[in-house]
Amino acid sequence: QVQLVESGGGLVQAGGSLRLSCAASRSFFSINAMGWYRQVPGKQRELVARISSGGSTNYADSVKGRFTISTDNARNTVYLQMSSLKPEDTAVYYCNYRGRIFSYPPDYNYWGQGTQVTVSS
């Protein structure tokens, strides 16, 4: 079993920055991708940023140029650097790992507990 522990959320003024971290409680045998998603009341969870095992990245159009996803594989950690924050970025942010704890298939999706990001005007 694995836990994904998120940190770094909080309250920030518009235009400010936050850095979210998501650390796995143990190493993975293999990682296919890591990502960040967010959800607000009444709306579906949406992809914010994703990075594949090959290093390619995808960002939601709404965050391109403002958010950056990165990893520290040695520390089993994925980060989301958020800059120029806007009130519409307010949401609960969830990290996601797709991979294997053990050597045998299949891959599974693992989720963090969520961390609240609130951006004031």
N, C-alpha and C. Protein backbone atom coordinates (compact mmCIF):
# COMPACT_ATOMS: atom_id res chain seq x y z
N GLN A 1 0.85 -1.18 0.00
CA GLN A 1 0.00 0.00 0.00
C GLN A 1 0.88 1.24 0.00
N VAL A 2 0.33 2.35 -0.47
CA VAL A 2 1.08 3.58 -0.56
C VAL A 2 0.18 4.75 -0.19
N GLN A 3 0.76 5.73 0.47
CA GLN A 3 0.09 6.99 0.77
C GLN A 3 0.74 8.11 -0.01
N LEU A 4 -0.08 8.99 -0.56
CA LEU A 4 0.40 10.20 -1.20
C LEU A 4 0.03 11.37 -0.30
N VAL A 5 1.02 12.03 0.25
CA VAL A 5 0.81 13.08 1.23
C VAL A 5 1.06 14.43 0.58
N GLU A 6 0.02 15.25 0.51
CA GLU A 6 0.10 16.55 -0.12
C GLU A 6 0.35 17.64 0.91
N SER A 7 1.03 18.69 0.47
CA SER A 7 1.26 19.84 1.32
C SER A 7 1.45 21.07 0.44
N GLY A 8 1.38 22.24 1.05
CA GLY A 8 1.67 23.48 0.36
C GLY A 8 0.47 24.34 0.02
N GLY A 9 -0.73 23.83 0.22
CA GLY A 9 -1.91 24.62 -0.04
C GLY A 9 -2.09 25.70 1.00
N GLY A 10 -3.03 26.60 0.72
CA GLY A 10 -3.32 27.67 1.66
C GLY A 10 -4.03 28.82 1.00
N LEU A 11 -4.02 29.94 1.69
CA LEU A 11 -4.66 31.16 1.23
C LEU A 11 -3.60 32.12 0.70
N VAL A 12 -3.84 32.65 -0.48
CA VAL A 12 -2.90 33.57 -1.10
C VAL A 12 -3.67 34.63 -1.87
N GLN A 13 -3.09 35.81 -1.97
CA GLN A 13 -3.71 36.88 -2.73
C GLN A 13 -3.49 36.69 -4.23
N ALA A 14 -4.41 37.21 -5.02
CA ALA A 14 -4.24 37.16 -6.46
C ALA A 14 -2.89 37.73 -6.87
N GLY A 15 -2.25 37.05 -7.80
CA GLY A 15 -0.92 37.43 -8.23
C GLY A 15 0.20 36.76 -7.48
N GLY A 16 -0.14 36.09 -6.40
CA GLY A 16 0.85 35.41 -5.59
C GLY A 16 1.20 34.04 -6.11
N SER A 17 2.02 33.33 -5.33
CA SER A 17 2.52 32.02 -5.74
C SER A 17 2.38 31.02 -4.60
N LEU A 18 2.23 29.76 -4.97
CA LEU A 18 2.26 28.64 -4.05
C LEU A 18 2.96 27.48 -4.73
N ARG A 19 3.56 26.62 -3.92
CA ARG A 19 4.16 25.41 -4.42
C ARG A 19 3.57 24.22 -3.69
N LEU A 20 2.90 23.36 -4.45
CA LEU A 20 2.33 22.15 -3.89
C LEU A 20 3.31 21.00 -4.02
N SER A 21 3.33 20.15 -3.00
CA SER A 21 4.17 18.96 -3.01
C SER A 21 3.32 17.74 -2.74
N CYS A 22 3.71 16.63 -3.31
CA CYS A 22 3.04 15.36 -3.09
C CYS A 22 4.09 14.27 -3.00
N ALA A 23 4.25 13.72 -1.81
CA ALA A 23 5.29 12.73 -1.55
C ALA A 23 4.67 11.37 -1.29
N ALA A 24 5.16 10.37 -1.97
CA ALA A 24 4.71 9.00 -1.76
C ALA A 24 5.42 8.39 -0.56
N SER A 25 4.69 7.59 0.19
CA SER A 25 5.23 6.99 1.39
C SER A 25 6.23 5.88 1.12
N ARG A 26 6.28 5.43 -0.10
CA ARG A 26 7.25 4.42 -0.50
C ARG A 26 7.56 4.60 -1.97
N SER A 27 8.62 4.00 -2.41
CA SER A 27 8.99 4.08 -3.81
C SER A 27 8.09 3.19 -4.66
N PHE A 28 7.97 3.56 -5.91
CA PHE A 28 7.24 2.76 -6.88
C PHE A 28 8.22 1.90 -7.66
N PHE A 29 7.75 0.73 -8.05
CA PHE A 29 8.55 -0.09 -8.94
C PHE A 29 8.71 0.61 -10.29
N SER A 30 7.63 1.20 -10.77
CA SER A 30 7.67 1.97 -12.00
C SER A 30 6.58 3.02 -11.97
N ILE A 31 6.82 4.11 -12.67
CA ILE A 31 5.88 5.21 -12.78
C ILE A 31 5.58 5.46 -14.25
N ASN A 32 4.31 5.49 -14.59
CA ASN A 32 3.92 5.83 -15.95
C ASN A 32 3.71 7.33 -16.11
N ALA A 33 3.09 7.95 -15.11
CA ALA A 33 2.83 9.37 -15.17
C ALA A 33 2.49 9.89 -13.78
N MET A 34 2.70 11.18 -13.59
CA MET A 34 2.27 11.89 -12.40
C MET A 34 1.48 13.11 -12.83
N GLY A 35 0.52 13.50 -12.02
CA GLY A 35 -0.28 14.64 -12.41
C GLY A 35 -0.92 15.34 -11.23
N TRP A 36 -1.48 16.50 -11.54
CA TRP A 36 -2.26 17.29 -10.59
C TRP A 36 -3.62 17.58 -11.20
N TYR A 37 -4.64 17.40 -10.39
CA TYR A 37 -6.01 17.68 -10.77
C TYR A 37 -6.62 18.62 -9.74
N ARG A 38 -7.69 19.29 -10.12
CA ARG A 38 -8.38 20.15 -9.17
C ARG A 38 -9.88 20.04 -9.35
N GLN A 39 -10.59 20.37 -8.29
CA GLN A 39 -12.03 20.24 -8.29
C GLN A 39 -12.65 21.34 -7.43
N VAL A 40 -13.72 21.93 -7.95
CA VAL A 40 -14.49 22.92 -7.20
C VAL A 40 -15.90 22.38 -7.06
N PRO A 41 -16.65 22.85 -6.06
CA PRO A 41 -18.01 22.35 -5.88
C PRO A 41 -18.87 22.53 -7.12
N GLY A 42 -19.59 21.48 -7.47
CA GLY A 42 -20.49 21.53 -8.61
C GLY A 42 -19.85 21.29 -9.95
N LYS A 43 -18.54 21.04 -9.97
CA LYS A 43 -17.85 20.82 -11.23
C LYS A 43 -17.05 19.52 -11.17
N GLN A 44 -16.76 18.98 -12.34
CA GLN A 44 -15.97 17.76 -12.42
C GLN A 44 -14.50 18.05 -12.12
N ARG A 45 -13.83 17.02 -11.62
CA ARG A 45 -12.40 17.13 -11.42
C ARG A 45 -11.72 17.28 -12.78
N GLU A 46 -10.80 18.23 -12.88
CA GLU A 46 -10.15 18.50 -14.14
C GLU A 46 -8.64 18.38 -14.03
N LEU A 47 -8.04 17.99 -15.13
CA LEU A 47 -6.59 17.91 -15.20
C LEU A 47 -5.99 19.30 -15.19
N VAL A 48 -5.00 19.51 -14.36
CA VAL A 48 -4.25 20.75 -14.33
C VAL A 48 -2.92 20.59 -15.05
N ALA A 49 -2.17 19.55 -14.69
CA ALA A 49 -0.87 19.31 -15.28
C ALA A 49 -0.52 17.85 -15.15
N ARG A 50 0.22 17.34 -16.10
CA ARG A 50 0.64 15.94 -16.09
C ARG A 50 2.03 15.85 -16.68
N ILE A 51 2.83 14.93 -16.13
CA ILE A 51 4.15 14.65 -16.69
C ILE A 51 4.28 13.14 -16.83
N SER A 52 4.70 12.70 -17.99
CA SER A 52 4.83 11.27 -18.27
C SER A 52 6.20 10.78 -17.87
N SER A 53 6.34 9.45 -17.87
CA SER A 53 7.64 8.86 -17.56
C SER A 53 8.71 9.28 -18.55
N GLY A 54 8.29 9.63 -19.76
CA GLY A 54 9.22 10.10 -20.77
C GLY A 54 9.56 11.56 -20.66
N GLY A 55 8.92 12.27 -19.73
CA GLY A 55 9.22 13.66 -19.50
C GLY A 55 8.33 14.65 -20.22
N SER A 56 7.42 14.17 -21.04
CA SER A 56 6.52 15.09 -21.72
C SER A 56 5.48 15.62 -20.74
N THR A 57 5.06 16.85 -20.95
CA THR A 57 4.12 17.50 -20.05
C THR A 57 2.88 17.97 -20.79
N ASN A 58 1.79 18.03 -20.06
CA ASN A 58 0.54 18.58 -20.56
C ASN A 58 -0.03 19.51 -19.50
N TYR A 59 -0.57 20.64 -19.94
CA TYR A 59 -1.17 21.60 -19.04
C TYR A 59 -2.54 22.00 -19.54
N ALA A 60 -3.44 22.26 -18.61
CA ALA A 60 -4.70 22.87 -18.99
C ALA A 60 -4.43 24.24 -19.59
N ASP A 61 -5.22 24.61 -20.57
CA ASP A 61 -5.02 25.92 -21.21
C ASP A 61 -5.08 27.06 -20.20
N SER A 62 -5.90 26.91 -19.19
CA SER A 62 -6.09 27.98 -18.22
C SER A 62 -4.87 28.24 -17.35
N VAL A 63 -3.92 27.31 -17.30
CA VAL A 63 -2.76 27.47 -16.43
C VAL A 63 -1.44 27.55 -17.18
N LYS A 64 -1.47 27.39 -18.49
CA LYS A 64 -0.24 27.44 -19.27
C LYS A 64 0.48 28.76 -19.06
N GLY A 65 1.77 28.67 -18.85
CA GLY A 65 2.58 29.85 -18.61
C GLY A 65 2.60 30.31 -17.18
N ARG A 66 1.75 29.74 -16.34
CA ARG A 66 1.68 30.13 -14.93
C ARG A 66 2.07 29.00 -13.98
N PHE A 67 1.74 27.77 -14.35
CA PHE A 67 2.01 26.61 -13.50
C PHE A 67 3.11 25.76 -14.14
N THR A 68 3.90 25.11 -13.29
CA THR A 68 4.93 24.20 -13.76
C THR A 68 4.92 22.94 -12.91
N ILE A 69 4.88 21.79 -13.57
CA ILE A 69 4.95 20.52 -12.87
C ILE A 69 6.38 19.99 -12.96
N SER A 70 6.85 19.40 -11.88
CA SER A 70 8.19 18.82 -11.86
C SER A 70 8.21 17.65 -10.89
N THR A 71 9.24 16.83 -10.99
CA THR A 71 9.36 15.66 -10.13
C THR A 71 10.75 15.55 -9.56
N ASP A 72 10.83 14.88 -8.44
CA ASP A 72 12.09 14.45 -7.85
C ASP A 72 11.91 12.96 -7.60
N ASN A 73 12.29 12.17 -8.57
CA ASN A 73 12.01 10.74 -8.50
C ASN A 73 12.75 10.06 -7.35
N ALA A 74 13.93 10.56 -7.02
CA ALA A 74 14.68 9.98 -5.92
C ALA A 74 13.95 10.15 -4.60
N ARG A 75 13.13 11.19 -4.50
CA ARG A 75 12.37 11.45 -3.28
C ARG A 75 10.90 11.07 -3.42
N ASN A 76 10.54 10.44 -4.53
CA ASN A 76 9.17 10.00 -4.77
C ASN A 76 8.19 11.16 -4.61
N THR A 77 8.52 12.28 -5.22
CA THR A 77 7.77 13.51 -5.01
C THR A 77 7.46 14.20 -6.34
N VAL A 78 6.25 14.74 -6.44
CA VAL A 78 5.86 15.57 -7.57
C VAL A 78 5.46 16.94 -7.03
N TYR A 79 5.80 17.99 -7.77
CA TYR A 79 5.54 19.36 -7.35
C TYR A 79 4.67 20.07 -8.38
N LEU A 80 3.96 21.07 -7.92
CA LEU A 80 3.26 21.98 -8.79
C LEU A 80 3.56 23.40 -8.33
N GLN A 81 4.37 24.10 -9.11
CA GLN A 81 4.67 25.50 -8.83
C GLN A 81 3.61 26.35 -9.50
N MET A 82 2.91 27.14 -8.72
CA MET A 82 1.81 27.96 -9.20
C MET A 82 2.16 29.42 -9.00
N SER A 83 2.15 30.18 -10.07
CA SER A 83 2.47 31.60 -10.03
C SER A 83 1.34 32.39 -10.68
N SER A 84 1.34 33.69 -10.44
CA SER A 84 0.32 34.58 -10.98
C SER A 84 -1.07 34.02 -10.73
N LEU A 85 -1.30 33.62 -9.51
CA LEU A 85 -2.56 32.95 -9.16
C LEU A 85 -3.75 33.89 -9.32
N LYS A 86 -4.85 33.30 -9.74
CA LYS A 86 -6.09 34.02 -9.96
C LYS A 86 -7.19 33.44 -9.07
N PRO A 87 -8.21 34.22 -8.75
CA PRO A 87 -9.31 33.68 -7.94
C PRO A 87 -9.92 32.42 -8.54
N GLU A 88 -9.96 32.31 -9.86
CA GLU A 88 -10.52 31.13 -10.49
C GLU A 88 -9.67 29.89 -10.33
N ASP A 89 -8.46 30.03 -9.79
CA ASP A 89 -7.64 28.87 -9.45
C ASP A 89 -8.05 28.23 -8.14
N THR A 90 -8.93 28.87 -7.40
CA THR A 90 -9.39 28.33 -6.12
C THR A 90 -10.04 26.97 -6.33
N ALA A 91 -9.56 25.97 -5.61
CA ALA A 91 -10.04 24.61 -5.75
C ALA A 91 -9.33 23.71 -4.75
N VAL A 92 -9.79 22.48 -4.66
CA VAL A 92 -9.04 21.44 -3.98
C VAL A 92 -8.17 20.76 -5.02
N TYR A 93 -6.88 20.67 -4.75
CA TYR A 93 -5.93 20.10 -5.68
C TYR A 93 -5.53 18.71 -5.22
N TYR A 94 -5.54 17.76 -6.16
CA TYR A 94 -5.23 16.37 -5.89
C TYR A 94 -4.05 15.93 -6.75
N CYS A 95 -3.10 15.27 -6.15
CA CYS A 95 -2.03 14.67 -6.95
C CYS A 95 -2.41 13.25 -7.32
N ASN A 96 -1.82 12.79 -8.40
CA ASN A 96 -2.11 11.46 -8.93
C ASN A 96 -0.83 10.82 -9.43
N TYR A 97 -0.64 9.57 -9.04
CA TYR A 97 0.46 8.76 -9.57
C TYR A 97 -0.15 7.56 -10.28
N ARG A 98 0.33 7.28 -11.48
CA ARG A 98 -0.05 6.06 -12.15
C ARG A 98 1.20 5.20 -12.28
N GLY A 99 1.15 4.02 -11.67
CA GLY A 99 2.31 3.16 -11.71
C GLY A 99 2.11 1.90 -10.91
N ARG A 100 3.24 1.27 -10.58
CA ARG A 100 3.23 0.00 -9.88
C ARG A 100 4.04 0.08 -8.60
N ILE A 101 3.49 -0.48 -7.54
CA ILE A 101 4.25 -0.64 -6.31
C ILE A 101 5.15 -1.87 -6.41
N PHE A 102 4.63 -2.92 -7.01
CA PHE A 102 5.37 -4.16 -7.19
C PHE A 102 5.65 -4.39 -8.67
N SER A 103 6.40 -5.39 -8.95
CA SER A 103 6.88 -5.60 -10.31
C SER A 103 5.83 -6.16 -11.26
N TYR A 104 4.75 -6.69 -10.72
CA TYR A 104 3.76 -7.32 -11.55
C TYR A 104 2.64 -6.35 -11.93
N PRO A 105 2.01 -6.57 -13.08
CA PRO A 105 0.93 -5.69 -13.52
C PRO A 105 -0.35 -5.97 -12.75
N PRO A 106 -1.34 -5.08 -12.86
CA PRO A 106 -1.37 -3.89 -13.71
C PRO A 106 -0.91 -2.64 -12.98
N ASP A 107 -0.87 -1.54 -13.72
CA ASP A 107 -0.68 -0.24 -13.10
C ASP A 107 -1.97 0.20 -12.41
N TYR A 108 -1.82 1.02 -11.38
CA TYR A 108 -2.95 1.58 -10.67
C TYR A 108 -2.81 3.10 -10.58
N ASN A 109 -3.95 3.75 -10.41
CA ASN A 109 -3.98 5.18 -10.13
C ASN A 109 -4.05 5.38 -8.62
N TYR A 110 -3.12 6.18 -8.10
CA TYR A 110 -3.08 6.51 -6.69
C TYR A 110 -3.32 8.00 -6.52
N TRP A 111 -4.09 8.36 -5.50
CA TRP A 111 -4.50 9.74 -5.31
C TRP A 111 -4.10 10.26 -3.93
N GLY A 112 -3.73 11.53 -3.90
CA GLY A 112 -3.51 12.21 -2.64
C GLY A 112 -4.82 12.59 -1.99
N GLN A 113 -4.73 13.10 -0.77
CA GLN A 113 -5.93 13.42 0.01
C GLN A 113 -6.57 14.74 -0.40
N GLY A 114 -5.88 15.54 -1.17
CA GLY A 114 -6.36 16.84 -1.58
C GLY A 114 -5.87 17.93 -0.65
N THR A 115 -5.56 19.08 -1.23
CA THR A 115 -5.16 20.24 -0.45
C THR A 115 -5.87 21.47 -1.01
N GLN A 116 -6.40 22.29 -0.12
CA GLN A 116 -7.18 23.46 -0.51
C GLN A 116 -6.27 24.61 -0.91
N VAL A 117 -6.55 25.19 -2.06
CA VAL A 117 -5.91 26.42 -2.51
C VAL A 117 -6.99 27.47 -2.66
N THR A 118 -6.85 28.58 -1.96
CA THR A 118 -7.80 29.66 -2.03
C THR A 118 -7.08 30.93 -2.43
N VAL A 119 -7.54 31.56 -3.50
CA VAL A 119 -6.93 32.78 -4.01
C VAL A 119 -7.93 33.92 -3.85
N SER A 120 -7.56 34.92 -3.08
CA SER A 120 -8.43 36.06 -2.83
C SER A 120 -8.17 37.17 -3.84
N SER A 121 -9.17 38.00 -4.06
CA SER A 121 -9.07 39.10 -5.01
C SER A 121 -8.21 40.22 -4.47
